[in-house]
ModelCIF file with pLDDT and N, C-alpha, C, O atoms, coordinates in Angstrom:
data_MODEL
#
_entry.id   MODEL 
#
_entity.id                         1 
_entity.type                       polymer 
_entity.pdbx_number_of_molecules   1 
#
_entity_poly.entity_id                      1 
_entity_poly.type                           'polypeptide(L)' 
_entity_poly.nstd_linkage                   no 
_entity_poly.nstd_monomer                   no 
_entity_poly.pdbx_seq_one_letter_code       PDIGFRSYGLTLEHKHMPEMKRHAGLTHDVIFA 
_entity_poly.pdbx_seq_one_letter_code_can   PDIGFRSYGLTLEHKHMPEMKRHAGLTHDVIFA 
_entity_poly.pdbx_strand_id                 A 
#
loop_
_entity_poly_seq.entity_id 
_entity_poly_seq.num 
_entity_poly_seq.mon_id 
_entity_poly_seq.hetero 
1 1  PRO n 
1 2  ASP n 
1 3  ILE n 
1 4  GLY n 
1 5  PHE n 
1 6  ARG n 
1 7  SER n 
1 8  TYR n 
1 9  GLY n 
1 10 LEU n 
1 11 THR n 
1 12 LEU n 
1 13 GLU n 
1 14 HIS n 
1 15 LYS n 
1 16 HIS n 
1 17 MET n 
1 18 PRO n 
1 19 GLU n 
1 20 MET n 
1 21 LYS n 
1 22 ARG n 
1 23 HIS n 
1 24 ALA n 
1 25 GLY n 
1 26 LEU n 
1 27 THR n 
1 28 HIS n 
1 29 ASP n 
1 30 VAL n 
1 31 ILE n 
1 32 PHE n 
1 33 ALA n 
#
_struct_asym.id          A 
_struct_asym.entity_id   1 
#
loop_
_ma_qa_metric.id 
_ma_qa_metric.mode 
_ma_qa_metric.name 
_ma_qa_metric.software_group_id 
_ma_qa_metric.type 
1 global pLDDT . pLDDT 
2 local  pLDDT . pLDDT 
#
_ma_qa_metric_global.metric_id      1 
_ma_qa_metric_global.metric_value   93.76 
_ma_qa_metric_global.model_id       1 
_ma_qa_metric_global.ordinal_id     1 
#
loop_
_ma_qa_metric_local.label_asym_id 
_ma_qa_metric_local.label_comp_id 
_ma_qa_metric_local.label_seq_id 
_ma_qa_metric_local.metric_id 
_ma_qa_metric_local.metric_value 
_ma_qa_metric_local.model_id 
_ma_qa_metric_local.ordinal_id 
A PRO 1  2 90.00 1 1  
A ASP 2  2 90.00 1 2  
A ILE 3  2 90.00 1 3  
A GLY 4  2 91.00 1 4  
A PHE 5  2 93.00 1 5  
A ARG 6  2 92.00 1 6  
A SER 7  2 94.00 1 7  
A TYR 8  2 91.00 1 8  
A GLY 9  2 91.00 1 9  
A LEU 10 2 93.00 1 10 
A THR 11 2 92.00 1 11 
A LEU 12 2 89.00 1 12 
A GLU 13 2 87.00 1 13 
A HIS 14 2 89.00 1 14 
A LYS 15 2 88.00 1 15 
A HIS 16 2 91.00 1 16 
A MET 17 2 93.00 1 17 
A PRO 18 2 95.00 1 18 
A GLU 19 2 97.00 1 19 
A MET 20 2 97.00 1 20 
A LYS 21 2 97.00 1 21 
A ARG 22 2 97.00 1 22 
A HIS 23 2 97.00 1 23 
A ALA 24 2 98.00 1 24 
A GLY 25 2 97.00 1 25 
A LEU 26 2 98.00 1 26 
A THR 27 2 98.00 1 27 
A HIS 28 2 97.00 1 28 
A ASP 29 2 96.00 1 29 
A VAL 30 2 97.00 1 30 
A ILE 31 2 97.00 1 31 
A PHE 32 2 96.00 1 32 
A ALA 33 2 96.00 1 33 
#
loop_
_atom_site.group_PDB 
_atom_site.id 
_atom_site.type_symbol 
_atom_site.label_atom_id 
_atom_site.label_alt_id 
_atom_site.label_comp_id 
_atom_site.label_asym_id 
_atom_site.label_entity_id 
_atom_site.label_seq_id 
_atom_site.pdbx_PDB_ins_code 
_atom_site.Cartn_x 
_atom_site.Cartn_y 
_atom_site.Cartn_z 
_atom_site.occupancy 
_atom_site.B_iso_or_equiv 
_atom_site.pdbx_formal_charge 
_atom_site.auth_seq_id 
_atom_site.auth_comp_id 
_atom_site.auth_asym_id 
_atom_site.auth_atom_id 
_atom_site.pdbx_PDB_model_num 
ATOM 1   N N  . PRO A 1 1  ? -223.610 11.475  24.751 1.00 90.00 ? 1  PRO A N  1 
ATOM 2   C CA . PRO A 1 1  ? -222.997 10.366  25.486 1.00 90.00 ? 1  PRO A CA 1 
ATOM 3   C C  . PRO A 1 1  ? -223.934 9.201   25.766 1.00 90.00 ? 1  PRO A C  1 
ATOM 4   O O  . PRO A 1 1  ? -223.474 8.138   26.183 1.00 90.00 ? 1  PRO A O  1 
ATOM 5   N N  . ASP A 1 2  ? -225.228 9.369   25.551 1.00 90.00 ? 2  ASP A N  1 
ATOM 6   C CA . ASP A 1 2  ? -226.157 8.275   25.801 1.00 90.00 ? 2  ASP A CA 1 
ATOM 7   C C  . ASP A 1 2  ? -226.230 7.276   24.641 1.00 90.00 ? 2  ASP A C  1 
ATOM 8   O O  . ASP A 1 2  ? -226.788 6.190   24.795 1.00 90.00 ? 2  ASP A O  1 
ATOM 9   N N  . ILE A 1 3  ? -225.673 7.637   23.492 1.00 90.00 ? 3  ILE A N  1 
ATOM 10  C CA . ILE A 1 3  ? -225.682 6.701   22.363 1.00 90.00 ? 3  ILE A CA 1 
ATOM 11  C C  . ILE A 1 3  ? -224.723 5.551   22.657 1.00 90.00 ? 3  ILE A C  1 
ATOM 12  O O  . ILE A 1 3  ? -223.536 5.768   22.903 1.00 90.00 ? 3  ILE A O  1 
ATOM 13  N N  . GLY A 1 4  ? -225.241 4.344   22.629 1.00 91.00 ? 4  GLY A N  1 
ATOM 14  C CA . GLY A 1 4  ? -224.387 3.176   22.817 1.00 91.00 ? 4  GLY A CA 1 
ATOM 15  C C  . GLY A 1 4  ? -224.290 2.329   21.567 1.00 91.00 ? 4  GLY A C  1 
ATOM 16  O O  . GLY A 1 4  ? -223.268 1.687   21.324 1.00 91.00 ? 4  GLY A O  1 
ATOM 17  N N  . PHE A 1 5  ? -225.355 2.325   20.767 1.00 93.00 ? 5  PHE A N  1 
ATOM 18  C CA . PHE A 1 5  ? -225.433 1.478   19.573 1.00 93.00 ? 5  PHE A CA 1 
ATOM 19  C C  . PHE A 1 5  ? -226.206 2.248   18.515 1.00 93.00 ? 5  PHE A C  1 
ATOM 20  O O  . PHE A 1 5  ? -227.317 2.716   18.764 1.00 93.00 ? 5  PHE A O  1 
ATOM 21  N N  . ARG A 1 6  ? -225.618 2.376   17.339 1.00 92.00 ? 6  ARG A N  1 
ATOM 22  C CA . ARG A 1 6  ? -226.249 3.111   16.248 1.00 92.00 ? 6  ARG A CA 1 
ATOM 23  C C  . ARG A 1 6  ? -226.267 2.216   15.022 1.00 92.00 ? 6  ARG A C  1 
ATOM 24  O O  . ARG A 1 6  ? -225.233 2.014   14.384 1.00 92.00 ? 6  ARG A O  1 
ATOM 25  N N  . SER A 1 7  ? -227.445 1.672   14.682 1.00 94.00 ? 7  SER A N  1 
ATOM 26  C CA . SER A 1 7  ? -227.597 0.861   13.477 1.00 94.00 ? 7  SER A CA 1 
ATOM 27  C C  . SER A 1 7  ? -227.898 1.784   12.304 1.00 94.00 ? 7  SER A C  1 
ATOM 28  O O  . SER A 1 7  ? -228.663 2.739   12.441 1.00 94.00 ? 7  SER A O  1 
ATOM 29  N N  . TYR A 1 8  ? -227.301 1.504   11.161 1.00 91.00 ? 8  TYR A N  1 
ATOM 30  C CA . TYR A 1 8  ? -227.541 2.346   9.993  1.00 91.00 ? 8  TYR A CA 1 
ATOM 31  C C  . TYR A 1 8  ? -227.514 1.475   8.736  1.00 91.00 ? 8  TYR A C  1 
ATOM 32  O O  . TYR A 1 8  ? -227.444 0.250   8.831  1.00 91.00 ? 8  TYR A O  1 
ATOM 33  N N  . GLY A 1 9  ? -227.571 2.099   7.572  1.00 91.00 ? 9  GLY A N  1 
ATOM 34  C CA . GLY A 1 9  ? -227.665 1.332   6.336  1.00 91.00 ? 9  GLY A CA 1 
ATOM 35  C C  . GLY A 1 9  ? -228.998 0.623   6.208  1.00 91.00 ? 9  GLY A C  1 
ATOM 36  O O  . GLY A 1 9  ? -229.093 -0.429  5.575  1.00 91.00 ? 9  GLY A O  1 
ATOM 37  N N  . LEU A 1 10 ? -230.034 1.203   6.816  1.00 93.00 ? 10 LEU A N  1 
ATOM 38  C CA . LEU A 1 10 ? -231.334 0.535   6.881  1.00 93.00 ? 10 LEU A CA 1 
ATOM 39  C C  . LEU A 1 10 ? -232.103 0.594   5.565  1.00 93.00 ? 10 LEU A C  1 
ATOM 40  O O  . LEU A 1 10 ? -233.167 -0.013  5.447  1.00 93.00 ? 10 LEU A O  1 
ATOM 41  N N  . THR A 1 11 ? -231.586 1.307   4.585  1.00 92.00 ? 11 THR A N  1 
ATOM 42  C CA . THR A 1 11 ? -232.155 1.260   3.238  1.00 92.00 ? 11 THR A CA 1 
ATOM 43  C C  . THR A 1 11 ? -231.656 0.044   2.466  1.00 92.00 ? 11 THR A C  1 
ATOM 44  O O  . THR A 1 11 ? -232.053 -0.183  1.323  1.00 92.00 ? 11 THR A O  1 
ATOM 45  N N  . LEU A 1 12 ? -230.779 -0.739  3.105  1.00 89.00 ? 12 LEU A N  1 
ATOM 46  C CA . LEU A 1 12 ? -230.156 -1.919  2.495  1.00 89.00 ? 12 LEU A CA 1 
ATOM 47  C C  . LEU A 1 12 ? -229.282 -1.544  1.309  1.00 89.00 ? 12 LEU A C  1 
ATOM 48  O O  . LEU A 1 12 ? -229.111 -2.314  0.364  1.00 89.00 ? 12 LEU A O  1 
ATOM 49  N N  . GLU A 1 13 ? -228.734 -0.336  1.389  1.00 87.00 ? 13 GLU A N  1 
ATOM 50  C CA . GLU A 1 13 ? -227.732 0.112   0.431  1.00 87.00 ? 13 GLU A CA 1 
ATOM 51  C C  . GLU A 1 13 ? -226.533 0.642   1.208  1.00 87.00 ? 13 GLU A C  1 
ATOM 52  O O  . GLU A 1 13 ? -226.696 1.295   2.238  1.00 87.00 ? 13 GLU A O  1 
ATOM 53  N N  . HIS A 1 14 ? -225.345 0.364   0.719  1.00 89.00 ? 14 HIS A N  1 
ATOM 54  C CA . HIS A 1 14 ? -224.131 0.847   1.376  1.00 89.00 ? 14 HIS A CA 1 
ATOM 55  C C  . HIS A 1 14 ? -223.001 0.796   0.355  1.00 89.00 ? 14 HIS A C  1 
ATOM 56  O O  . HIS A 1 14 ? -222.945 -0.112  -0.474 1.00 89.00 ? 14 HIS A O  1 
ATOM 57  N N  . LYS A 1 15 ? -222.110 1.768   0.420  1.00 88.00 ? 15 LYS A N  1 
ATOM 58  C CA . LYS A 1 15 ? -221.043 1.850   -0.587 1.00 88.00 ? 15 LYS A CA 1 
ATOM 59  C C  . LYS A 1 15 ? -220.082 0.671   -0.538 1.00 88.00 ? 15 LYS A C  1 
ATOM 60  O O  . LYS A 1 15 ? -219.377 0.422   -1.516 1.00 88.00 ? 15 LYS A O  1 
ATOM 61  N N  . HIS A 1 16 ? -220.031 -0.066  0.579  1.00 91.00 ? 16 HIS A N  1 
ATOM 62  C CA . HIS A 1 16 ? -219.138 -1.224  0.661  1.00 91.00 ? 16 HIS A CA 1 
ATOM 63  C C  . HIS A 1 16 ? -219.687 -2.463  -0.031 1.00 91.00 ? 16 HIS A C  1 
ATOM 64  O O  . HIS A 1 16 ? -218.931 -3.397  -0.298 1.00 91.00 ? 16 HIS A O  1 
ATOM 65  N N  . MET A 1 17 ? -220.979 -2.496  -0.328 1.00 93.00 ? 17 MET A N  1 
ATOM 66  C CA . MET A 1 17 ? -221.582 -3.717  -0.859 1.00 93.00 ? 17 MET A CA 1 
ATOM 67  C C  . MET A 1 17 ? -221.034 -4.131  -2.228 1.00 93.00 ? 17 MET A C  1 
ATOM 68  O O  . MET A 1 17 ? -220.750 -5.314  -2.418 1.00 93.00 ? 17 MET A O  1 
ATOM 69  N N  . PRO A 1 18 ? -220.872 -3.221  -3.185 1.00 95.00 ? 18 PRO A N  1 
ATOM 70  C CA . PRO A 1 18 ? -220.287 -3.635  -4.475 1.00 95.00 ? 18 PRO A CA 1 
ATOM 71  C C  . PRO A 1 18 ? -218.876 -4.194  -4.323 1.00 95.00 ? 18 PRO A C  1 
ATOM 72  O O  . PRO A 1 18 ? -218.487 -5.122  -5.033 1.00 95.00 ? 18 PRO A O  1 
ATOM 73  N N  . GLU A 1 19 ? -218.126 -3.631  -3.407 1.00 97.00 ? 19 GLU A N  1 
ATOM 74  C CA . GLU A 1 19 ? -216.760 -4.091  -3.147 1.00 97.00 ? 19 GLU A CA 1 
ATOM 75  C C  . GLU A 1 19 ? -216.745 -5.528  -2.637 1.00 97.00 ? 19 GLU A C  1 
ATOM 76  O O  . GLU A 1 19 ? -215.936 -6.340  -3.085 1.00 97.00 ? 19 GLU A O  1 
ATOM 77  N N  . MET A 1 20 ? -217.643 -5.844  -1.694 1.00 97.00 ? 20 MET A N  1 
ATOM 78  C CA . MET A 1 20 ? -217.720 -7.208  -1.168 1.00 97.00 ? 20 MET A CA 1 
ATOM 79  C C  . MET A 1 20 ? -218.088 -8.192  -2.275 1.00 97.00 ? 20 MET A C  1 
ATOM 80  O O  . MET A 1 20 ? -217.461 -9.242  -2.420 1.00 97.00 ? 20 MET A O  1 
ATOM 81  N N  . LYS A 1 21 ? -219.097 -7.847  -3.044 1.00 97.00 ? 21 LYS A N  1 
ATOM 82  C CA . LYS A 1 21 ? -219.574 -8.733  -4.109 1.00 97.00 ? 21 LYS A CA 1 
ATOM 83  C C  . LYS A 1 21 ? -218.486 -8.960  -5.154 1.00 97.00 ? 21 LYS A C  1 
ATOM 84  O O  . LYS A 1 21 ? -218.216 -10.096 -5.544 1.00 97.00 ? 21 LYS A O  1 
ATOM 85  N N  . ARG A 1 22 ? -217.872 -7.886  -5.597 1.00 97.00 ? 22 ARG A N  1 
ATOM 86  C CA . ARG A 1 22 ? -216.883 -7.966  -6.672 1.00 97.00 ? 22 ARG A CA 1 
ATOM 87  C C  . ARG A 1 22 ? -215.679 -8.807  -6.276 1.00 97.00 ? 22 ARG A C  1 
ATOM 88  O O  . ARG A 1 22 ? -215.280 -9.709  -7.013 1.00 97.00 ? 22 ARG A O  1 
ATOM 89  N N  . HIS A 1 23 ? -215.105 -8.520  -5.132 1.00 97.00 ? 23 HIS A N  1 
ATOM 90  C CA . HIS A 1 23 ? -213.823 -9.148  -4.807 1.00 97.00 ? 23 HIS A CA 1 
ATOM 91  C C  . HIS A 1 23 ? -213.964 -10.532 -4.183 1.00 97.00 ? 23 HIS A C  1 
ATOM 92  O O  . HIS A 1 23 ? -212.980 -11.264 -4.079 1.00 97.00 ? 23 HIS A O  1 
ATOM 93  N N  . ALA A 1 24 ? -215.167 -10.898 -3.770 1.00 98.00 ? 24 ALA A N  1 
ATOM 94  C CA . ALA A 1 24 ? -215.400 -12.285 -3.364 1.00 98.00 ? 24 ALA A CA 1 
ATOM 95  C C  . ALA A 1 24 ? -215.880 -13.125 -4.540 1.00 98.00 ? 24 ALA A C  1 
ATOM 96  O O  . ALA A 1 24 ? -215.997 -14.345 -4.425 1.00 98.00 ? 24 ALA A O  1 
ATOM 97  N N  . GLY A 1 25 ? -216.157 -12.480 -5.673 1.00 97.00 ? 25 GLY A N  1 
ATOM 98  C CA . GLY A 1 25 ? -216.625 -13.199 -6.846 1.00 97.00 ? 25 GLY A CA 1 
ATOM 99  C C  . GLY A 1 25 ? -218.035 -13.724 -6.696 1.00 97.00 ? 25 GLY A C  1 
ATOM 100 O O  . GLY A 1 25 ? -218.340 -14.825 -7.156 1.00 97.00 ? 25 GLY A O  1 
ATOM 101 N N  . LEU A 1 26 ? -218.915 -12.942 -6.047 1.00 98.00 ? 26 LEU A N  1 
ATOM 102 C CA . LEU A 1 26 ? -220.264 -13.400 -5.738 1.00 98.00 ? 26 LEU A CA 1 
ATOM 103 C C  . LEU A 1 26 ? -221.257 -13.055 -6.842 1.00 98.00 ? 26 LEU A C  1 
ATOM 104 O O  . LEU A 1 26 ? -221.056 -12.121 -7.618 1.00 98.00 ? 26 LEU A O  1 
ATOM 105 N N  . THR A 1 27 ? -222.326 -13.830 -6.889 1.00 98.00 ? 27 THR A N  1 
ATOM 106 C CA . THR A 1 27 ? -223.403 -13.592 -7.844 1.00 98.00 ? 27 THR A CA 1 
ATOM 107 C C  . THR A 1 27 ? -224.392 -12.552 -7.328 1.00 98.00 ? 27 THR A C  1 
ATOM 108 O O  . THR A 1 27 ? -224.898 -11.734 -8.096 1.00 98.00 ? 27 THR A O  1 
ATOM 109 N N  . HIS A 1 28 ? -224.666 -12.588 -6.019 1.00 97.00 ? 28 HIS A N  1 
ATOM 110 C CA . HIS A 1 28 ? -225.676 -11.718 -5.423 1.00 97.00 ? 28 HIS A CA 1 
ATOM 111 C C  . HIS A 1 28 ? -225.026 -10.665 -4.518 1.00 97.00 ? 28 HIS A C  1 
ATOM 112 O O  . HIS A 1 28 ? -223.930 -10.863 -3.994 1.00 97.00 ? 28 HIS A O  1 
ATOM 113 N N  . ASP A 1 29 ? -225.727 -9.554  -4.352 1.00 96.00 ? 29 ASP A N  1 
ATOM 114 C CA . ASP A 1 29 ? -225.332 -8.593  -3.326 1.00 96.00 ? 29 ASP A CA 1 
ATOM 115 C C  . ASP A 1 29 ? -225.467 -9.245  -1.946 1.00 96.00 ? 29 ASP A C  1 
ATOM 116 O O  . ASP A 1 29 ? -226.326 -10.101 -1.735 1.00 96.00 ? 29 ASP A O  1 
ATOM 117 N N  . VAL A 1 30 ? -224.622 -8.834  -1.026 1.00 97.00 ? 30 VAL A N  1 
ATOM 118 C CA . VAL A 1 30 ? -224.754 -9.306  0.350  1.00 97.00 ? 30 VAL A CA 1 
ATOM 119 C C  . VAL A 1 30 ? -225.829 -8.483  1.061  1.00 97.00 ? 30 VAL A C  1 
ATOM 120 O O  . VAL A 1 30 ? -226.094 -7.339  0.694  1.00 97.00 ? 30 VAL A O  1 
ATOM 121 N N  . ILE A 1 31 ? -226.440 -9.079  2.078  1.00 97.00 ? 31 ILE A N  1 
ATOM 122 C CA . ILE A 1 31 ? -227.298 -8.330  2.985  1.00 97.00 ? 31 ILE A CA 1 
ATOM 123 C C  . ILE A 1 31 ? -226.391 -7.806  4.089  1.00 97.00 ? 31 ILE A C  1 
ATOM 124 O O  . ILE A 1 31 ? -225.850 -8.580  4.878  1.00 97.00 ? 31 ILE A O  1 
ATOM 125 N N  . PHE A 1 32 ? -226.228 -6.492  4.141  1.00 96.00 ? 32 PHE A N  1 
ATOM 126 C CA . PHE A 1 32 ? -225.222 -5.888  5.016  1.00 96.00 ? 32 PHE A CA 1 
ATOM 127 C C  . PHE A 1 32 ? -225.907 -5.111  6.130  1.00 96.00 ? 32 PHE A C  1 
ATOM 128 O O  . PHE A 1 32 ? -226.690 -4.198  5.868  1.00 96.00 ? 32 PHE A O  1 
ATOM 129 N N  . ALA A 1 33 ? -225.610 -5.477  7.381  1.00 96.00 ? 33 ALA A N  1 
ATOM 130 C CA . ALA A 1 33 ? -226.221 -4.843  8.553  1.00 96.00 ? 33 ALA A CA 1 
ATOM 131 C C  . ALA A 1 33 ? -225.131 -4.227  9.425  1.00 96.00 ? 33 ALA A C  1 
ATOM 132 O O  . ALA A 1 33 ? -225.430 -3.642  10.465 1.00 96.00 ? 33 ALA A O  1 
#
């Protein structure tokens, strides 16, 4: 119960990143925090 904020994805990899890049038509991966 003491956890209030949990940051993750600190390897700068996440399964949502290809999805964001692909469907927004982007050239670069996003920096996702």
